[in-house]
């Protein structure tokens, strides 16, 4: 059977290593979540950039088509009044709605990615907190195991109890009476 001090030391070391491992695990999960959040934020910015590019492309195409429509009306000798101008105005409204739809899709995609980033950060903080709580639970469990090894209830057998860990009582000092120093007497005084 191992000496109680060795058992207590091994239990304490094991508990400490488990607690440190739990904290490191939580911190690693937090760091991974932060990296995931950063990647999602970069994707959100890229989504916005793509949306701006698509809006610019669509606007360019709309201008080209508008120019062709005006040129066609002009080549037919149609005056730009009345119904032809109403058709061009309606076409311009539809074009603006198409641009707004592109912006909306882009912004919704970016916001979804930003929400993913916020959720990843939250999960990282939760993982870090869980690691701390897991470490605390491990420390308490280890303390309970150590207390069980010490067996405070059995102090008479000498086996595996608190008396095995305590030093022997000090020897009685002949110059002290009940722990109180005796007055010193000067042998040269009477």
Protein backbone atom coordinates (compact mmCIF):
# COMPACT_ATOMS: atom_id res chain seq x y z
CA UNK A 1 0.00 0.00 0.00
CA UNK A 2 1.28 3.46 -0.87
CA UNK A 3 2.16 5.89 1.85
CA UNK A 4 -0.71 8.35 2.44
CA UNK A 5 1.52 11.32 1.67
CA UNK A 6 2.40 9.81 -1.72
CA UNK A 7 -1.25 9.12 -2.48
CA UNK A 8 -2.21 12.68 -1.54
CA UNK A 9 0.65 14.10 -3.62
CA UNK A 10 -0.29 12.00 -6.66
CA UNK A 11 -3.95 12.96 -6.31
CA UNK A 12 -3.05 16.64 -6.00
CA UNK A 13 -0.76 16.50 -9.03
CA UNK A 14 -3.36 14.66 -11.10
CA UNK A 15 -6.03 17.14 -10.07
CA UNK A 16 -3.83 20.12 -10.92
CA UNK A 17 -2.95 18.69 -14.34
CA UNK A 18 -6.62 18.00 -15.10
CA UNK A 19 -7.60 21.52 -14.04
CA UNK A 20 -4.86 23.07 -16.18
CA UNK A 21 -5.94 20.89 -19.10
CA UNK A 22 -9.56 22.03 -18.74
CA UNK A 23 -8.53 25.69 -18.74
CA UNK A 24 -6.27 25.20 -21.76
CA UNK A 25 -9.03 23.34 -23.60
CA UNK A 26 -11.43 26.22 -22.97
CA UNK A 27 -8.86 28.79 -24.07
CA UNK A 28 -8.10 26.80 -27.23
CA UNK A 29 -11.80 26.59 -28.09
CA UNK A 30 -12.10 30.34 -27.49
CA UNK A 31 -9.14 31.05 -29.78
CA UNK A 32 -10.60 28.80 -32.50
CA UNK A 33 -13.96 30.56 -32.20
CA UNK A 34 -12.28 33.97 -32.49
CA UNK A 35 -10.49 32.82 -35.64
CA UNK A 36 -13.79 31.52 -37.04
CA UNK A 37 -15.47 34.83 -36.20
CA UNK A 38 -12.70 36.79 -37.89
CA UNK A 39 -13.03 34.63 -41.01
CA UNK A 40 -16.81 35.19 -41.04
CA UNK A 41 -16.32 38.95 -40.73
CA UNK A 42 -13.88 38.90 -43.64
CA UNK A 43 -16.41 36.93 -45.66
CA UNK A 44 -19.07 39.50 -44.77
CA UNK A 45 -16.86 42.30 -46.06
CA UNK A 46 -16.15 40.30 -49.21
CA UNK A 47 -19.91 39.76 -49.65
CA UNK A 48 -20.46 43.52 -49.49
CA UNK A 49 -17.64 44.12 -51.98
CA UNK A 50 -19.13 41.56 -54.38
CA UNK A 51 -22.51 43.28 -53.99
CA UNK A 52 -21.00 46.65 -54.84
CA UNK A 53 -19.28 45.15 -57.88
CA UNK A 54 -22.52 43.50 -59.05
CA UNK A 55 -24.41 46.80 -58.61
CA UNK A 56 -21.77 48.61 -60.70
CA UNK A 57 -21.94 45.90 -63.39
CA UNK A 58 -25.74 45.97 -63.46
CA UNK A 59 -25.79 49.78 -63.61
CA UNK A 60 -23.38 49.69 -66.56
CA UNK A 61 -25.59 47.16 -68.35
CA UNK A 62 -28.71 49.21 -67.60
CA UNK A 63 -27.12 52.33 -69.08
CA UNK A 64 -26.14 50.40 -72.20
CA UNK A 65 -29.68 49.05 -72.63
CA UNK A 66 -31.19 52.50 -71.95
CA UNK A 67 -28.93 54.00 -74.61
CA UNK A 68 -29.99 51.34 -77.10
CA UNK A 69 -33.68 52.00 -76.34
CA UNK A 70 -33.28 55.77 -76.86
CA UNK A 71 -31.31 55.19 -80.07
CA UNK A 72 -33.95 52.80 -81.38
CA UNK A 73 -36.73 55.27 -80.63
CA UNK A 74 -34.73 58.02 -82.32
CA UNK A 75 -34.01 55.90 -85.39
CA UNK A 76 -37.74 55.24 -85.78
CA UNK A 77 -38.39 58.95 -85.63
CA UNK A 78 -40.39 58.62 -82.41
CA UNK A 79 -40.55 61.77 -80.26
CA UNK A 80 -39.47 61.30 -76.66
CA UNK A 81 -42.77 62.46 -75.25
CA UNK A 82 -45.89 60.71 -74.01
CA UNK A 83 -45.93 56.93 -74.10
CA UNK A 84 -42.27 56.41 -75.16
CA UNK A 85 -41.02 58.54 -72.28
CA UNK A 86 -43.34 56.67 -69.88
CA UNK A 87 -41.85 53.36 -71.09
CA UNK A 88 -38.33 54.65 -70.52
CA UNK A 89 -39.29 55.92 -67.04
CA UNK A 90 -40.85 52.54 -66.18
CA UNK A 91 -37.72 50.80 -67.43
CA UNK A 92 -35.58 53.08 -65.22
CA UNK A 93 -37.75 52.24 -62.16
CA UNK A 94 -37.39 48.52 -62.86
CA UNK A 95 -33.65 48.96 -63.22
CA UNK A 96 -33.48 50.72 -59.84
CA UNK A 97 -35.48 47.91 -58.23
CA UNK A 98 -33.01 45.40 -59.69
CA UNK A 99 -30.11 47.39 -58.16
CA UNK A 100 -31.86 47.49 -54.79
CA UNK A 101 -32.42 43.72 -54.94
CA UNK A 102 -28.70 43.16 -55.55
CA UNK A 103 -27.82 45.46 -52.61
CA UNK A 104 -30.39 43.74 -50.40
CA UNK A 105 -29.10 40.21 -51.19
CA UNK A 106 -25.55 41.35 -50.59
CA UNK A 107 -26.37 43.03 -47.28
CA UNK A 108 -28.47 40.09 -46.03
CA UNK A 109 -25.61 37.70 -46.85
CA UNK A 110 -23.12 39.98 -45.06
CA UNK A 111 -25.36 40.33 -42.01
CA UNK A 112 -25.81 36.55 -41.82
CA UNK A 113 -22.04 36.15 -41.82
CA UNK A 114 -21.67 38.83 -39.13
CA UNK A 115 -24.29 37.01 -37.05
CA UNK A 116 -22.27 33.82 -37.50
CA UNK A 117 -19.20 35.73 -36.28
CA UNK A 118 -21.04 37.00 -33.20
CA UNK A 119 -22.30 33.50 -32.46
CA UNK A 120 -18.80 32.06 -32.83
CA UNK A 121 -17.43 34.66 -30.40
CA UNK A 122 -20.21 33.85 -27.93
CA UNK A 123 -19.48 30.12 -28.19
CA UNK A 124 -15.79 30.85 -27.64
CA UNK A 125 -16.52 32.80 -24.47
CA UNK A 126 -18.80 29.99 -23.32
CA UNK A 127 -16.09 27.40 -23.99
CA UNK A 128 -13.58 29.47 -22.00
CA UNK A 129 -16.06 29.77 -19.11
CA UNK A 130 -16.84 26.06 -19.30
CA UNK A 131 -13.11 25.34 -19.09
CA UNK A 132 -12.82 27.44 -15.95
CA UNK A 133 -15.85 25.80 -14.36
CA UNK A 134 -14.56 22.35 -15.36
CA UNK A 135 -11.23 23.22 -13.74
CA UNK A 136 -13.02 24.32 -10.58
CA UNK A 137 -15.05 21.12 -10.50
CA UNK A 138 -11.89 19.09 -11.00
CA UNK A 139 -10.17 20.91 -8.15
CA UNK A 140 -13.12 20.34 -5.84
CA UNK A 141 -13.29 16.68 -6.82
CA UNK A 142 -9.57 16.34 -6.19
CA UNK A 143 -9.92 18.02 -2.80
CA UNK A 144 -12.70 15.57 -1.96
CA UNK A 145 -10.47 12.64 -2.99
CA UNK A 146 -7.64 13.97 -0.86
CA UNK A 147 -9.97 14.38 2.09
CA UNK A 148 -11.12 10.79 1.57
CA UNK A 149 -7.50 9.62 1.60
CA UNK A 150 -6.94 11.40 4.89
CA UNK A 151 -9.98 9.75 6.52
CA UNK A 152 -10.63 12.25 9.30
CA UNK A 153 -13.04 9.90 11.04
CA UNK A 154 -10.50 7.19 11.88
CA UNK A 155 -7.75 8.72 14.00
CA UNK A 156 -6.97 5.81 16.31
CA UNK A 157 -5.66 3.03 14.04
CA UNK A 158 -2.74 4.94 12.54
CA UNK A 159 -3.75 3.75 9.07
CA UNK A 160 -4.31 6.38 6.45
CA UNK A 161 -5.37 9.21 8.73
CA UNK A 162 -4.54 12.82 9.42
CA UNK A 163 -2.11 11.91 12.18
CA UNK A 164 0.12 10.22 9.60
CA UNK A 165 0.68 13.63 8.00
CA UNK A 166 1.16 15.74 11.10
CA UNK A 167 4.56 16.07 12.74
CA UNK A 168 5.00 14.65 16.23
CA UNK A 169 4.30 17.03 19.08
CA UNK A 170 7.29 19.04 20.26
CA UNK A 171 9.27 17.69 23.20
CA UNK A 172 8.51 19.19 26.51
CA UNK A 173 10.86 22.02 27.30
CA UNK A 174 12.02 21.81 30.92
CA UNK A 175 12.31 25.60 31.03
CA UNK A 176 8.61 26.08 30.31
CA UNK A 177 5.70 25.27 32.55
CA UNK A 178 2.64 24.42 30.51
CA UNK A 179 3.88 26.47 27.59
CA UNK A 180 4.49 29.56 29.73
CA UNK A 181 8.15 30.48 30.21
CA UNK A 182 9.33 30.25 33.78
CA UNK A 183 10.76 33.44 35.21
CA UNK A 184 14.52 33.47 34.96
CA UNK A 185 16.41 33.68 38.17
CA UNK A 186 19.70 35.39 38.31
CA UNK A 187 22.08 33.11 40.21
CA UNK A 188 24.00 36.19 41.31
CA UNK A 189 21.05 37.78 43.01
CA UNK A 190 19.60 36.35 45.99
